Amino acid sequence: MPRLTAAGSAYPAPMLDVTQWFGSETSLAQLRGQVVMIEAFQMLCPGCISYGLPQAQRVHKLFPDVAVLGLHTVFEHHEVTGPAALKVFLDEFGIFFPVGVDRHDGQRMPVTMRAYELQGTPSTLLVDRAGNLRFTHLGAVPELELGAMLGELRAEPAPA
């Protein structure tokens, strides 16, 4: 059962090392004071297409006070998943929240993916109002559990 990390044991969310944004360019520092959901995905990932991105779209629509970000973090099929293909993919799937392209530095896994110690895609991350990483999960997150966690984070006071 997915659970939030306790506020006192959370650690600051690593920065998003992004080479390009589709939609509004942003950063976690700019979003401090808001609850943030990051959906790490690859456009050729069946789980991302069937449940990760649709769930992020629902959160974006149903929780307007939660900042939803996509992170296109490609660790395979680089030759067919470049920015031009990603733009078409985002348009075709109606992804309207900001999506950043994770930076590659010559290693197999992209920089942000390594910083968050992600094991694959789709991965869902929740960052609290203070900028602390409170939840990371690979695979499907049950809707009710995600909603409950977002409710908990939204109920916590904003940092002073």
C-alpha atoms as a PDB file:
ATOM      1  CA  MET A   1       0.000   0.000   0.000  1.00  0.00           C
ATOM      2  CA  PRO A   2       1.566   3.345  -1.030  1.00  0.00           C
ATOM      3  CA  ARG A   3       2.253   5.764   1.794  1.00  0.00           C
ATOM      4  CA  LEU A   4       3.602   9.239   2.272  1.00  0.00           C
ATOM      5  CA  THR A   5       6.924   9.656   4.029  1.00  0.00           C
ATOM      6  CA  ALA A   6       6.464  11.489   7.322  1.00  0.00           C
ATOM      7  CA  ALA A   7       7.146  15.219   6.999  1.00  0.00           C
ATOM      8  CA  GLY A   8       9.962  15.086   9.546  1.00  0.00           C
ATOM      9  CA  SER A   9      11.803  12.296   7.735  1.00  0.00           C
ATOM     10  CA  ALA A  10      11.449  13.711   4.215  1.00  0.00           C
ATOM     11  CA  TYR A  11      14.364  15.243   2.338  1.00  0.00           C
ATOM     12  CA  PRO A  12      14.498  18.082  -0.197  1.00  0.00           C
ATOM     13  CA  ALA A  13      13.423  17.010  -3.665  1.00  0.00           C
ATOM     14  CA  PRO A  14      16.347  17.114  -6.116  1.00  0.00           C
ATOM     15  CA  MET A  15      16.133  19.778  -8.806  1.00  0.00           C
ATOM     16  CA  LEU A  16      14.741  18.824 -12.193  1.00  0.00           C
ATOM     17  CA  ASP A  17      17.666  18.811 -14.629  1.00  0.00           C
ATOM     18  CA  VAL A  18      15.720  19.500 -17.806  1.00  0.00           C
ATOM     19  CA  THR A  19      17.032  20.408 -21.275  1.00  0.00           C
ATOM     20  CA  GLN A  20      13.706  21.563 -22.732  1.00  0.00           C
ATOM     21  CA  TRP A  21      10.172  22.328 -21.567  1.00  0.00           C
ATOM     22  CA  PHE A  22       6.909  21.801 -23.386  1.00  0.00           C
ATOM     23  CA  GLY A  23       4.343  24.138 -21.889  1.00  0.00           C
ATOM     24  CA  SER A  24       5.409  26.500 -19.140  1.00  0.00           C
ATOM     25  CA  GLU A  25       9.036  26.337 -18.073  1.00  0.00           C
ATOM     26  CA  THR A  26       9.150  25.896 -14.309  1.00  0.00           C
ATOM     27  CA  SER A  27      11.208  24.617 -11.402  1.00  0.00           C
ATOM     28  CA  LEU A  28      10.495  23.117  -8.003  1.00  0.00           C
ATOM     29  CA  ALA A  29      11.854  26.312  -6.423  1.00  0.00           C
ATOM     30  CA  GLN A  30       9.196  28.329  -8.284  1.00  0.00           C
ATOM     31  CA  LEU A  31       6.503  25.923  -7.098  1.00  0.00           C
ATOM     32  CA  ARG A  32       7.466  26.056  -3.417  1.00  0.00           C
ATOM     33  CA  GLY A  33       4.307  26.518  -1.366  1.00  0.00           C
ATOM     34  CA  GLN A  34       2.336  24.211  -3.673  1.00  0.00           C
ATOM     35  CA  VAL A  35       1.927  20.458  -3.631  1.00  0.00           C
ATOM     36  CA  VAL A  36       3.637  19.046  -6.741  1.00  0.00           C
ATOM     37  CA  MET A  37       3.012  15.768  -8.555  1.00  0.00           C
ATOM     38  CA  ILE A  38       5.675  14.663 -11.037  1.00  0.00           C
ATOM     39  CA  GLU A  39       4.867  11.891 -13.483  1.00  0.00           C
ATOM     40  CA  ALA A  40       8.077  10.407 -14.912  1.00  0.00           C
ATOM     41  CA  PHE A  41       7.344   8.710 -18.220  1.00  0.00           C
ATOM     42  CA  GLN A  42       8.553   7.584 -21.616  1.00  0.00           C
ATOM     43  CA  MET A  43       6.308   7.943 -24.623  1.00  0.00           C
ATOM     44  CA  LEU A  44       6.959   4.334 -25.690  1.00  0.00           C
ATOM     45  CA  CYS A  45       6.135   2.903 -22.253  1.00  0.00           C
ATOM     46  CA  PRO A  46       2.810   0.985 -22.264  1.00  0.00           C
ATOM     47  CA  GLY A  47       2.194   1.600 -18.550  1.00  0.00           C
ATOM     48  CA  CYS A  48       2.820   5.315 -18.996  1.00  0.00           C
ATOM     49  CA  ILE A  49       0.264   5.511 -21.780  1.00  0.00           C
ATOM     50  CA  SER A  50      -2.355   3.295 -20.151  1.00  0.00           C
ATOM     51  CA  TYR A  51      -2.319   4.561 -16.569  1.00  0.00           C
ATOM     52  CA  GLY A  52       0.545   6.913 -15.594  1.00  0.00           C
ATOM     53  CA  LEU A  53      -0.219   9.840 -17.887  1.00  0.00           C
ATOM     54  CA  PRO A  54      -4.028   9.476 -17.786  1.00  0.00           C
ATOM     55  CA  GLN A  55      -3.855   9.569 -13.983  1.00  0.00           C
ATOM     56  CA  ALA A  56      -1.653  12.692 -14.085  1.00  0.00           C
ATOM     57  CA  GLN A  57      -4.188  14.293 -16.445  1.00  0.00           C
ATOM     58  CA  ARG A  58      -7.013  13.527 -14.006  1.00  0.00           C
ATOM     59  CA  VAL A  59      -5.054  15.031 -11.085  1.00  0.00           C
ATOM     60  CA  HIS A  60      -4.314  18.116 -13.217  1.00  0.00           C
ATOM     61  CA  LYS A  61      -8.030  18.514 -13.932  1.00  0.00           C
ATOM     62  CA  LEU A  62      -9.468  17.621 -10.499  1.00  0.00           C
ATOM     63  CA  PHE A  63      -6.883  19.290  -8.231  1.00  0.00           C
ATOM     64  CA  PRO A  64      -6.174  22.738  -9.714  1.00  0.00           C
ATOM     65  CA  ASP A  65      -4.112  23.691  -6.652  1.00  0.00           C
ATOM     66  CA  VAL A  66      -1.696  20.772  -7.252  1.00  0.00           C
ATOM     67  CA  ALA A  67       1.091  21.536  -9.740  1.00  0.00           C
ATOM     68  CA  VAL A  68       1.359  18.567 -12.098  1.00  0.00           C
ATOM     69  CA  LEU A  69       4.572  18.162 -14.088  1.00  0.00           C
ATOM     70  CA  GLY A  70       5.624  15.543 -16.587  1.00  0.00           C
ATOM     71  CA  LEU A  71       9.222  14.368 -16.798  1.00  0.00           C
ATOM     72  CA  HIS A  72      10.102  12.642 -20.063  1.00  0.00           C
ATOM     73  CA  THR A  73      12.953  10.486 -18.818  1.00  0.00           C
ATOM     74  CA  VAL A  74      14.188   8.262 -21.622  1.00  0.00           C
ATOM     75  CA  PHE A  75      16.559   5.393 -20.888  1.00  0.00           C
ATOM     76  CA  GLU A  76      15.868   3.370 -24.041  1.00  0.00           C
ATOM     77  CA  HIS A  77      14.869   3.971 -27.695  1.00  0.00           C
ATOM     78  CA  HIS A  78      16.626   7.354 -27.778  1.00  0.00           C
ATOM     79  CA  GLU A  79      16.688   7.449 -31.577  1.00  0.00           C
ATOM     80  CA  VAL A  80      12.877   7.652 -31.855  1.00  0.00           C
ATOM     81  CA  THR A  81      11.930   9.639 -28.755  1.00  0.00           C
ATOM     82  CA  GLY A  82      13.443  13.051 -29.433  1.00  0.00           C
ATOM     83  CA  PRO A  83      11.793  16.444 -28.871  1.00  0.00           C
ATOM     84  CA  ALA A  84       9.966  16.523 -32.227  1.00  0.00           C
ATOM     85  CA  ALA A  85       8.351  13.125 -31.546  1.00  0.00           C
ATOM     86  CA  LEU A  86       7.558  14.145 -27.958  1.00  0.00           C
ATOM     87  CA  LYS A  87       5.771  17.308 -29.121  1.00  0.00           C
ATOM     88  CA  VAL A  88       3.546  15.254 -31.440  1.00  0.00           C
ATOM     89  CA  PHE A  89       2.916  12.718 -28.659  1.00  0.00           C
ATOM     90  CA  LEU A  90       1.895  15.432 -26.161  1.00  0.00           C
ATOM     91  CA  ASP A  91      -0.431  17.042 -28.707  1.00  0.00           C
ATOM     92  CA  GLU A  92      -2.009  13.710 -29.697  1.00  0.00           C
ATOM     93  CA  PHE A  93      -2.608  12.658 -26.085  1.00  0.00           C
ATOM     94  CA  GLY A  94      -3.818  16.101 -24.962  1.00  0.00           C
ATOM     95  CA  ILE A  95      -1.158  16.566 -22.280  1.00  0.00           C
ATOM     96  CA  PHE A  96      -1.610  20.175 -21.126  1.00  0.00           C
ATOM     97  CA  PHE A  97       0.559  20.302 -18.016  1.00  0.00           C
ATOM     98  CA  PRO A  98       4.252  21.284 -18.337  1.00  0.00           C
ATOM     99  CA  VAL A  99       6.586  18.486 -19.471  1.00  0.00           C
ATOM    100  CA  GLY A 100      10.355  18.652 -19.113  1.00  0.00           C
ATOM    101  CA  VAL A 101      12.897  16.518 -20.983  1.00  0.00           C
ATOM    102  CA  ASP A 102      15.332  14.900 -18.545  1.00  0.00           C
ATOM    103  CA  ARG A 103      18.970  15.664 -19.413  1.00  0.00           C
ATOM    104  CA  HIS A 104      21.358  12.943 -20.583  1.00  0.00           C
ATOM    105  CA  ASP A 105      25.010  13.135 -19.662  1.00  0.00           C
ATOM    106  CA  GLY A 106      26.298  10.049 -21.444  1.00  0.00           C
ATOM    107  CA  GLN A 107      25.150   7.519 -18.854  1.00  0.00           C
ATOM    108  CA  ARG A 108      22.289   5.096 -19.535  1.00  0.00           C
ATOM    109  CA  MET A 109      19.896   6.701 -17.072  1.00  0.00           C
ATOM    110  CA  PRO A 110      19.105  10.427 -17.395  1.00  0.00           C
ATOM    111  CA  VAL A 111      20.290  12.868 -14.709  1.00  0.00           C
ATOM    112  CA  THR A 112      17.003  13.575 -12.880  1.00  0.00           C
ATOM    113  CA  MET A 113      16.003   9.922 -13.007  1.00  0.00           C
ATOM    114  CA  ARG A 114      19.251   9.047 -11.208  1.00  0.00           C
ATOM    115  CA  ALA A 115      18.889  11.898  -8.718  1.00  0.00           C
ATOM    116  CA  TYR A 116      15.480  10.542  -7.679  1.00  0.00           C
ATOM    117  CA  GLU A 117      16.752   6.946  -7.791  1.00  0.00           C
ATOM    118  CA  LEU A 118      13.887   5.951 -10.081  1.00  0.00           C
ATOM    119  CA  GLN A 119      13.848   2.327 -11.198  1.00  0.00           C
ATOM    120  CA  GLY A 120      11.764   2.816 -14.340  1.00  0.00           C
ATOM    121  CA  THR A 121       8.617   4.338 -15.746  1.00  0.00           C
ATOM    122  CA  PRO A 122       5.921   5.236 -15.049  1.00  0.00           C
ATOM    123  CA  SER A 123       6.954   6.676 -11.710  1.00  0.00           C
ATOM    124  CA  THR A 124       4.849   9.031  -9.618  1.00  0.00           C
ATOM    125  CA  LEU A 125       6.476  11.480  -7.201  1.00  0.00           C
ATOM    126  CA  LEU A 126       4.835  13.817  -4.697  1.00  0.00           C
ATOM    127  CA  VAL A 127       6.573  16.887  -3.313  1.00  0.00           C
ATOM    128  CA  ASP A 128       5.138  18.775  -0.345  1.00  0.00           C
ATOM    129  CA  ARG A 129       4.705  22.543   0.006  1.00  0.00           C
ATOM    130  CA  ALA A 130       8.134  22.834   1.642  1.00  0.00           C
ATOM    131  CA  GLY A 131       9.815  21.221  -1.368  1.00  0.00           C
ATOM    132  CA  ASN A 132      10.408  17.834   0.275  1.00  0.00           C
ATOM    133  CA  LEU A 133      10.026  14.555  -1.586  1.00  0.00           C
ATOM    134  CA  ARG A 134       7.326  12.644   0.260  1.00  0.00           C
ATOM    135  CA  PHE A 135       6.388   9.828  -2.124  1.00  0.00           C
ATOM    136  CA  THR A 136       7.938   7.880  -4.995  1.00  0.00           C
ATOM    137  CA  HIS A 137       6.300   4.897  -6.641  1.00  0.00           C
ATOM    138  CA  LEU A 138       7.062   2.819  -9.737  1.00  0.00           C
ATOM    139  CA  GLY A 139       3.972   1.544 -11.522  1.00  0.00           C
ATOM    140  CA  ALA A 140       0.281   2.086 -10.975  1.00  0.00           C
ATOM    141  CA  VAL A 141      -0.856   4.030  -7.920  1.00  0.00           C
ATOM    142  CA  PRO A 142      -4.414   3.186  -6.863  1.00  0.00           C
ATOM    143  CA  GLU A 143      -6.658   6.202  -7.462  1.00  0.00           C
ATOM    144  CA  LEU A 144      -8.138   6.347  -3.948  1.00  0.00           C
ATOM    145  CA  GLU A 145      -4.723   6.083  -2.332  1.00  0.00           C
ATOM    146  CA  LEU A 146      -3.283   8.829  -4.532  1.00  0.00           C
ATOM    147  CA  GLY A 147      -6.289  11.033  -3.770  1.00  0.00           C
ATOM    148  CA  ALA A 148      -5.881  10.428  -0.040  1.00  0.00           C
ATOM    149  CA  MET A 149      -2.166  11.282  -0.168  1.00  0.00           C
ATOM    150  CA  LEU A 150      -2.855  14.452  -2.149  1.00  0.00           C
ATOM    151  CA  GLY A 151      -5.508  15.379   0.416  1.00  0.00           C
ATOM    152  CA  GLU A 152      -3.021  14.899   3.249  1.00  0.00           C
ATOM    153  CA  LEU A 153      -0.388  17.021   1.541  1.00  0.00           C
ATOM    154  CA  ARG A 154      -2.897  19.739   0.641  1.00  0.00           C
ATOM    155  CA  ALA A 155      -4.053  19.878   4.277  1.00  0.00           C
ATOM    156  CA  GLU A 156      -0.554  20.471   5.620  1.00  0.00           C
ATOM    157  CA  PRO A 157       0.305  24.101   6.317  1.00  0.00           C
ATOM    158  CA  ALA A 158       2.406  26.013   3.843  1.00  0.00           C
ATOM    159  CA  PRO A 159       5.981  26.711   4.985  1.00  0.00           C
ATOM    160  CA  ALA A 160       6.552  30.013   6.695  1.00  0.00           C
END
